[in-house]
């Protein structure tokens, strides 16, 4: 029986620095047979390790169209593991366990309009779904992407935002909280994400929304979506930040009767309303 705690060796093949403290890493299995048999669904997460240091949990932030060739994850340098992860370069080896958790119900979303709302480092858990929907553009209706960060320098996937906007019937609305200075170019809004979402005039008629970001952003965005006709069961989020061991063994993800590692990380607003109030 395969050891569920043993990470697979992965070769780092690309590292992209997104911001001053955020990087995106592309990796592939060192074992070709593992790569051939590997499968994940969009929205699932993995656990990535620096040998001898520890491991951290992140969403698989690319769509599954390249899953036998590579996967990607994005992280912020905030602790011991990620500080060491920051130094990895192409050719290095790191560990991977996964995939874990449930996924976005993309088949159920077919034929519907989709609204993506993200803030700051929360873009990666949404990026995988955006990529999938754009790769299968004819299966979905109008796509609205509202993304913001505190400053221009805090935006992740900046170049991709402009590429996404080139697809038919896709509206990309980007914003920052603080106006850029020192001659930094910016062709987006200077406002808070909920305000820009309100100005988007999205409709909940035959539509779903995926909202991931800081708690205050989510708290202020949800009433706007409800006012525009979105039902609780049509509003989704990813609780990737609650993940720890990936298996529901350590208890760090426990919330009432829910083990987020096993039953998440994807939940609807209806699900979250049934969780403890202090969650």
Protein backbone atom coordinates (compact mmCIF):
# COMPACT_ATOMS: atom_id res chain seq x y z
CA UNK A 1 0.00 0.00 0.00
CA UNK A 2 1.35 3.41 -0.95
CA UNK A 3 2.46 5.65 1.91
CA UNK A 4 0.02 8.60 1.91
CA UNK A 5 2.48 10.74 3.87
CA UNK A 6 5.40 10.26 1.48
CA UNK A 7 5.86 13.15 -0.99
CA UNK A 8 6.67 12.58 -4.63
CA UNK A 9 9.89 14.19 -5.89
CA UNK A 10 9.10 17.03 -8.30
CA UNK A 11 11.45 18.94 -10.55
CA UNK A 12 11.12 22.72 -10.56
CA UNK A 13 10.92 23.81 -14.20
CA UNK A 14 9.88 27.45 -13.92
CA UNK A 15 9.76 30.17 -11.27
CA UNK A 16 7.92 33.46 -11.81
CA UNK A 17 8.12 36.30 -9.31
CA UNK A 18 4.66 37.86 -9.19
CA UNK A 19 5.23 40.51 -6.50
CA UNK A 20 7.87 41.44 -3.94
CA UNK A 21 6.84 38.51 -1.76
CA UNK A 22 4.84 36.20 -4.07
CA UNK A 23 6.16 33.62 -6.54
CA UNK A 24 4.53 31.11 -8.88
CA UNK A 25 6.31 27.78 -9.35
CA UNK A 26 5.83 25.21 -12.10
CA UNK A 27 6.82 21.63 -11.28
CA UNK A 28 6.64 18.19 -12.87
CA UNK A 29 6.96 14.63 -11.63
CA UNK A 30 10.45 13.15 -11.81
CA UNK A 31 8.84 9.75 -12.34
CA UNK A 32 7.31 9.62 -15.88
CA UNK A 33 4.91 6.87 -14.80
CA UNK A 34 3.62 9.05 -11.96
CA UNK A 35 3.10 11.92 -14.40
CA UNK A 36 1.22 9.67 -16.80
CA UNK A 37 -1.20 8.46 -14.12
CA UNK A 38 -1.61 11.72 -12.23
CA UNK A 39 -5.02 13.40 -12.26
CA UNK A 40 -6.52 16.36 -10.45
CA UNK A 41 -9.70 18.38 -10.70
CA UNK A 42 -9.76 22.16 -10.85
CA UNK A 43 -10.00 23.60 -7.34
CA UNK A 44 -8.10 20.83 -5.54
CA UNK A 45 -4.98 21.54 -3.53
CA UNK A 46 -1.58 20.00 -2.89
CA UNK A 47 1.04 19.94 -0.14
CA UNK A 48 4.50 21.09 -1.18
CA UNK A 49 7.66 20.42 0.80
CA UNK A 50 11.23 21.58 1.08
CA UNK A 51 13.10 18.50 2.22
CA UNK A 52 14.53 18.90 5.69
CA UNK A 53 12.47 22.02 6.39
CA UNK A 54 8.76 21.22 6.20
CA UNK A 55 5.70 21.46 4.01
CA UNK A 56 2.97 23.98 3.20
CA UNK A 57 -0.45 23.74 1.58
CA UNK A 58 -1.44 25.62 -1.58
CA UNK A 59 -4.07 25.40 -4.27
CA UNK A 60 -3.06 23.92 -7.63
CA UNK A 61 -3.38 27.22 -9.46
CA UNK A 62 -3.44 26.04 -13.10
CA UNK A 63 -6.20 24.27 -15.00
CA UNK A 64 -5.93 20.52 -15.49
CA UNK A 65 -5.22 20.68 -19.23
CA UNK A 66 -1.48 20.24 -18.56
CA UNK A 67 -1.74 17.92 -15.58
CA UNK A 68 0.42 15.18 -17.14
CA UNK A 69 3.09 17.74 -18.06
CA UNK A 70 3.20 20.04 -15.05
CA UNK A 71 1.29 21.69 -12.25
CA UNK A 72 1.68 25.14 -10.73
CA UNK A 73 1.31 26.65 -7.29
CA UNK A 74 1.65 30.15 -5.94
CA UNK A 75 2.87 31.19 -2.50
CA UNK A 76 3.68 34.19 -0.35
CA UNK A 77 6.92 34.30 1.63
CA UNK A 78 5.60 34.42 5.20
CA UNK A 79 7.30 31.67 7.22
CA UNK A 80 10.11 29.16 7.58
CA UNK A 81 9.03 26.82 4.77
CA UNK A 82 8.10 29.52 2.29
CA UNK A 83 11.30 31.42 3.02
CA UNK A 84 13.25 28.35 1.91
CA UNK A 85 10.83 27.73 -0.96
CA UNK A 86 11.58 31.27 -2.14
CA UNK A 87 15.13 30.20 -3.04
CA UNK A 88 14.22 27.27 -5.32
CA UNK A 89 15.31 27.52 -8.94
CA UNK A 90 14.67 25.49 -12.12
CA UNK A 91 16.36 22.12 -11.76
CA UNK A 92 15.83 21.90 -8.00
CA UNK A 93 13.74 19.16 -6.39
CA UNK A 94 10.83 19.70 -4.01
CA UNK A 95 8.17 17.34 -2.66
CA UNK A 96 4.48 17.09 -3.52
CA UNK A 97 1.54 15.26 -1.96
CA UNK A 98 -1.89 15.34 -3.50
CA UNK A 99 -4.25 16.13 -4.94
CA UNK A 100 -6.55 16.62 -1.96
CA UNK A 101 -10.06 17.92 -1.38
CA UNK A 102 -13.07 18.51 -3.56
CA UNK A 103 -13.18 20.77 -6.61
CA UNK A 104 -15.19 23.43 -8.40
CA UNK A 105 -18.33 21.94 -10.00
CA UNK A 106 -17.38 23.19 -13.44
CA UNK A 107 -19.67 20.76 -15.25
CA UNK A 108 -22.65 22.12 -13.30
CA UNK A 109 -21.60 25.65 -14.22
CA UNK A 110 -21.80 24.98 -17.96
CA UNK A 111 -24.26 27.22 -19.75
CA UNK A 112 -24.18 29.80 -16.96
CA UNK A 113 -22.63 33.24 -16.57
CA UNK A 114 -19.70 33.22 -14.14
CA UNK A 115 -18.49 36.00 -11.85
CA UNK A 116 -14.99 35.72 -10.39
CA UNK A 117 -14.16 38.02 -7.46
CA UNK A 118 -10.64 37.96 -6.00
CA UNK A 119 -8.47 40.03 -3.73
CA UNK A 120 -4.66 40.06 -3.53
CA UNK A 121 -2.99 36.66 -3.11
CA UNK A 122 -6.42 35.03 -3.51
CA UNK A 123 -6.13 35.22 -7.29
CA UNK A 124 -4.31 31.82 -7.63
CA UNK A 125 -7.23 29.72 -6.26
CA UNK A 126 -9.46 31.46 -8.81
CA UNK A 127 -6.93 31.49 -11.66
CA UNK A 128 -7.26 27.72 -12.15
CA UNK A 129 -11.02 28.04 -12.72
CA UNK A 130 -10.62 31.08 -14.99
CA UNK A 131 -8.09 29.20 -17.14
CA UNK A 132 -10.39 26.20 -17.41
CA UNK A 133 -13.41 28.29 -18.40
CA UNK A 134 -11.42 30.19 -21.02
CA UNK A 135 -10.00 26.96 -22.45
CA UNK A 136 -13.61 25.76 -22.77
CA UNK A 137 -15.03 29.16 -23.68
CA UNK A 138 -17.99 27.86 -25.67
CA UNK A 139 -19.39 26.02 -22.62
CA UNK A 140 -19.94 29.11 -20.49
CA UNK A 141 -21.85 32.37 -20.78
CA UNK A 142 -20.58 35.83 -19.92
CA UNK A 143 -17.51 35.86 -17.68
CA UNK A 144 -16.86 38.77 -15.33
CA UNK A 145 -13.55 39.01 -13.46
CA UNK A 146 -13.23 41.54 -10.63
CA UNK A 147 -9.76 41.57 -9.09
CA UNK A 148 -8.06 44.00 -6.78
CA UNK A 149 -5.15 44.44 -4.40
CA UNK A 150 -3.86 47.12 -2.11
CA UNK A 151 -1.33 48.48 -4.64
CA UNK A 152 -0.29 47.77 -8.23
CA UNK A 153 2.78 46.02 -6.84
CA UNK A 154 0.56 43.58 -4.92
CA UNK A 155 -1.36 42.35 -7.98
CA UNK A 156 -0.75 38.74 -9.01
CA UNK A 157 -1.07 37.56 -12.64
CA UNK A 158 -1.03 41.16 -13.93
CA UNK A 159 -0.07 40.18 -17.50
CA UNK A 160 -2.70 37.46 -17.65
CA UNK A 161 -5.47 39.90 -16.77
CA UNK A 162 -4.96 41.70 -20.07
CA UNK A 163 -4.84 38.42 -21.99
CA UNK A 164 -8.08 37.21 -20.38
CA UNK A 165 -9.79 40.43 -21.41
CA UNK A 166 -9.17 39.56 -25.08
CA UNK A 167 -11.54 36.58 -24.97
CA UNK A 168 -15.09 37.10 -26.28
CA UNK A 169 -17.74 38.16 -23.76
CA UNK A 170 -15.20 38.50 -20.95
CA UNK A 171 -15.17 41.62 -18.78
CA UNK A 172 -12.06 42.13 -16.64
CA UNK A 173 -12.30 44.84 -13.99
CA UNK A 174 -9.11 45.44 -12.04
CA UNK A 175 -8.60 47.85 -9.18
CA UNK A 176 -6.21 48.93 -6.43
CA UNK A 177 -6.95 50.50 -3.06
CA UNK A 178 -4.14 53.04 -3.30
CA UNK A 179 -3.36 55.15 -6.37
CA UNK A 180 0.08 54.41 -7.87
CA UNK A 181 2.87 56.95 -7.48
CA UNK A 182 6.36 57.52 -8.85
CA UNK A 183 5.19 57.26 -12.44
CA UNK A 184 3.85 53.69 -12.19
CA UNK A 185 1.48 53.02 -15.10
CA UNK A 186 -2.02 51.86 -14.22
CA UNK A 187 -5.02 51.49 -16.51
CA UNK A 188 -7.45 50.15 -13.93
CA UNK A 189 -9.64 51.57 -11.17
CA UNK A 190 -8.60 53.03 -7.81
CA UNK A 191 -11.30 51.69 -5.51
CA UNK A 192 -12.24 48.76 -3.31
CA UNK A 193 -13.24 45.43 -4.84
CA UNK A 194 -16.85 45.47 -3.49
CA UNK A 195 -17.41 48.92 -5.01
CA UNK A 196 -16.14 47.76 -8.39
CA UNK A 197 -18.27 44.61 -8.11
CA UNK A 198 -21.33 46.77 -7.47
CA UNK A 199 -20.52 48.88 -10.53
CA UNK A 200 -20.24 45.73 -12.68
CA UNK A 201 -24.04 45.24 -12.51
CA UNK A 202 -23.69 41.46 -12.67
CA UNK A 203 -26.92 39.51 -12.53
CA UNK A 204 -27.63 36.33 -10.60
CA UNK A 205 -29.99 35.12 -13.32
CA UNK A 206 -28.55 31.78 -14.49
CA UNK A 207 -25.18 32.66 -12.96
CA UNK A 208 -22.70 31.54 -10.30
CA UNK A 209 -20.03 33.49 -8.43
CA UNK A 210 -16.65 32.39 -7.09
CA UNK A 211 -15.38 34.73 -4.38
CA UNK A 212 -11.97 34.34 -2.70
CA UNK A 213 -10.08 36.99 -0.78
CA UNK A 214 -9.63 38.75 2.56
CA UNK A 215 -12.56 38.23 4.97
CA UNK A 216 -13.59 41.89 4.84
CA UNK A 217 -13.69 41.80 1.03
CA UNK A 218 -15.89 38.71 1.07
CA UNK A 219 -18.11 40.15 3.80
CA UNK A 220 -18.78 43.30 1.79
CA UNK A 221 -19.11 41.51 -1.58
CA UNK A 222 -21.70 38.92 -0.55
CA UNK A 223 -24.57 41.40 0.05
CA UNK A 224 -23.97 42.87 -3.39
CA UNK A 225 -24.25 39.46 -5.02
CA UNK A 226 -27.39 38.63 -3.02
CA UNK A 227 -28.93 41.96 -3.97
CA UNK A 228 -28.24 41.14 -7.61
CA UNK A 229 -30.09 37.84 -7.38
CA UNK A 230 -27.39 35.28 -6.48
CA UNK A 231 -28.60 32.50 -4.19
CA UNK A 232 -26.38 31.18 -1.40
CA UNK A 233 -25.96 27.86 -3.21
CA UNK A 234 -24.69 29.73 -6.30
CA UNK A 235 -21.91 31.58 -4.43
CA UNK A 236 -18.71 29.55 -4.01
CA UNK A 237 -15.43 30.08 -2.19
CA UNK A 238 -12.21 28.18 -1.46
CA UNK A 239 -10.99 27.79 2.12
CA UNK A 240 -7.49 26.74 1.09
CA UNK A 241 -6.02 28.71 4.00
CA UNK A 242 -7.62 26.25 6.42
CA UNK A 243 -5.72 23.27 5.01
CA UNK A 244 -2.92 21.60 6.94
CA UNK A 245 -2.25 17.87 6.62
CA UNK A 246 -4.60 17.35 3.68
CA UNK A 247 -6.05 14.20 5.18
CA UNK A 248 -8.21 15.39 8.07
CA UNK A 249 -5.87 13.66 10.54
CA UNK A 250 -4.27 16.54 12.44
CA UNK A 251 -7.53 18.36 13.20
CA UNK A 252 -6.20 21.81 12.28
CA UNK A 253 -8.90 22.21 9.62
CA UNK A 254 -11.77 21.17 11.89
CA UNK A 255 -14.75 23.53 11.97
CA UNK A 256 -17.70 22.18 13.91
CA UNK A 257 -18.58 18.87 12.27
CA UNK A 258 -16.65 19.78 9.10
CA UNK A 259 -13.09 18.76 8.23
CA UNK A 260 -12.15 21.27 5.56
CA UNK A 261 -9.31 19.07 4.25
CA UNK A 262 -11.76 16.26 3.51
CA UNK A 263 -14.99 18.10 2.68
CA UNK A 264 -13.46 21.23 1.14
CA UNK A 265 -11.72 23.40 0.26
CA UNK A 266 -14.63 24.40 -2.02
CA UNK A 267 -17.82 25.40 -0.22
CA UNK A 268 -20.93 27.36 -1.10
CA UNK A 269 -22.19 30.26 0.97
CA UNK A 270 -25.04 27.96 2.03
CA UNK A 271 -22.46 25.49 3.41
CA UNK A 272 -20.58 28.19 5.31
CA UNK A 273 -23.76 29.47 6.95
CA UNK A 274 -24.05 26.05 8.61
CA UNK A 275 -20.55 26.32 10.09
CA UNK A 276 -19.84 27.91 13.51
CA UNK A 277 -20.27 31.67 13.61
CA UNK A 278 -16.64 32.25 14.64
CA UNK A 279 -15.29 30.36 11.62
